[in-house]
Amino acid sequence: MLEVLELPQVKQALLDIGGLPSPLGPAAFKEYIAAEYTRWGTFIKEAGLKPTGTEAGSSIGTPR
């Protein structure tokens, strides 16, 4: 995957759709995900956000 993300045509295709190619190895990706989980988890808790579609009678977000 890292090799593919370094290909000029792949980089350009990602840029064309608004992406930002930032290839990371497994360890760096794990660190990034952990940091984002903490960052957004804190934000969600402080903002008091709740998932939508989990109200009684709703089928959105409800396991089937």
C-alpha atoms as a PDB file:
ATOM      1  CA  MET A   1       0.000   0.000   0.000  1.00  0.00           C
ATOM      2  CA  LEU A   2       2.820   2.400   0.830  1.00  0.00           C
ATOM      3  CA  GLU A   3       4.376   1.805  -2.601  1.00  0.00           C
ATOM      4  CA  VAL A   4       1.061   2.451  -4.352  1.00  0.00           C
ATOM      5  CA  LEU A   5       0.480   5.684  -2.433  1.00  0.00           C
ATOM      6  CA  GLU A   6       3.880   6.918  -3.628  1.00  0.00           C
ATOM      7  CA  LEU A   7       2.963   6.521  -7.323  1.00  0.00           C
ATOM      8  CA  PRO A   8       2.579   9.951  -8.956  1.00  0.00           C
ATOM      9  CA  GLN A   9      -0.716   9.045 -10.635  1.00  0.00           C
ATOM     10  CA  VAL A  10      -2.186   7.807  -7.350  1.00  0.00           C
ATOM     11  CA  LYS A  11      -1.040  10.927  -5.503  1.00  0.00           C
ATOM     12  CA  GLN A  12      -2.603  13.090  -8.206  1.00  0.00           C
ATOM     13  CA  ALA A  13      -5.856  11.125  -8.191  1.00  0.00           C
ATOM     14  CA  LEU A  14      -6.141  11.626  -4.437  1.00  0.00           C
ATOM     15  CA  LEU A  15      -5.387  15.336  -4.743  1.00  0.00           C
ATOM     16  CA  ASP A  16      -7.978  15.644  -7.528  1.00  0.00           C
ATOM     17  CA  ILE A  17     -10.726  14.446  -5.174  1.00  0.00           C
ATOM     18  CA  GLY A  18      -9.568  16.564  -2.254  1.00  0.00           C
ATOM     19  CA  GLY A  19      -7.477  13.929  -0.519  1.00  0.00           C
ATOM     20  CA  LEU A  20      -4.110  14.469   1.035  1.00  0.00           C
ATOM     21  CA  PRO A  21      -1.807  11.515   0.428  1.00  0.00           C
ATOM     22  CA  SER A  22       0.021  10.891   3.689  1.00  0.00           C
ATOM     23  CA  PRO A  23       1.324   7.332   3.644  1.00  0.00           C
ATOM     24  CA  LEU A  24       2.194   5.940   7.068  1.00  0.00           C
ATOM     25  CA  GLY A  25       3.809   2.684   8.069  1.00  0.00           C
ATOM     26  CA  PRO A  26       1.988   0.347  10.472  1.00  0.00           C
ATOM     27  CA  ALA A  27       3.493   1.776  13.687  1.00  0.00           C
ATOM     28  CA  ALA A  28       2.925   5.408  12.673  1.00  0.00           C
ATOM     29  CA  PHE A  29      -0.634   4.610  11.549  1.00  0.00           C
ATOM     30  CA  LYS A  30      -1.351   2.929  14.892  1.00  0.00           C
ATOM     31  CA  GLU A  31      -0.083   6.029  16.726  1.00  0.00           C
ATOM     32  CA  TYR A  32      -2.162   8.303  14.491  1.00  0.00           C
ATOM     33  CA  ILE A  33      -5.357   6.316  15.089  1.00  0.00           C
ATOM     34  CA  ALA A  34      -4.761   6.249  18.859  1.00  0.00           C
ATOM     35  CA  ALA A  35      -4.213  10.019  18.925  1.00  0.00           C
ATOM     36  CA  GLU A  36      -7.334  10.674  16.822  1.00  0.00           C
ATOM     37  CA  TYR A  37      -9.407   8.365  19.034  1.00  0.00           C
ATOM     38  CA  THR A  38      -8.322  10.322  22.099  1.00  0.00           C
ATOM     39  CA  ARG A  39      -8.720  13.705  20.398  1.00  0.00           C
ATOM     40  CA  TRP A  40     -12.199  13.116  19.039  1.00  0.00           C
ATOM     41  CA  GLY A  41     -13.350  11.097  22.047  1.00  0.00           C
ATOM     42  CA  THR A  42     -12.537  14.051  24.297  1.00  0.00           C
ATOM     43  CA  PHE A  43     -14.293  16.471  21.931  1.00  0.00           C
ATOM     44  CA  ILE A  44     -17.406  14.284  21.709  1.00  0.00           C
ATOM     45  CA  LYS A  45     -17.632  13.906  25.510  1.00  0.00           C
ATOM     46  CA  GLU A  46     -17.072  17.616  26.171  1.00  0.00           C
ATOM     47  CA  ALA A  47     -19.636  18.592  23.535  1.00  0.00           C
ATOM     48  CA  GLY A  48     -22.172  16.106  24.934  1.00  0.00           C
ATOM     49  CA  LEU A  49     -22.715  14.551  21.518  1.00  0.00           C
ATOM     50  CA  LYS A  50     -24.693  11.337  21.226  1.00  0.00           C
ATOM     51  CA  PRO A  51     -25.052   8.953  18.276  1.00  0.00           C
ATOM     52  CA  THR A  52     -28.096   9.502  16.094  1.00  0.00           C
ATOM     53  CA  GLY A  53     -30.464   6.775  15.044  1.00  0.00           C
ATOM     54  CA  THR A  54     -30.312   4.945  18.348  1.00  0.00           C
ATOM     55  CA  GLU A  55     -33.598   6.268  19.727  1.00  0.00           C
ATOM     56  CA  ALA A  56     -36.426   3.852  20.499  1.00  0.00           C
ATOM     57  CA  GLY A  57     -38.165   2.801  17.308  1.00  0.00           C
ATOM     58  CA  SER A  58     -35.326   3.890  15.035  1.00  0.00           C
ATOM     59  CA  SER A  59     -33.799   1.421  12.625  1.00  0.00           C
ATOM     60  CA  ILE A  60     -30.781   3.590  11.812  1.00  0.00           C
ATOM     61  CA  GLY A  61     -27.774   2.489  13.808  1.00  0.00           C
ATOM     62  CA  THR A  62     -29.664  -0.430  15.287  1.00  0.00           C
ATOM     63  CA  PRO A  63     -28.091  -3.854  14.822  1.00  0.00           C
ATOM     64  CA  ARG A  64     -30.292  -6.236  12.866  1.00  0.00           C
END
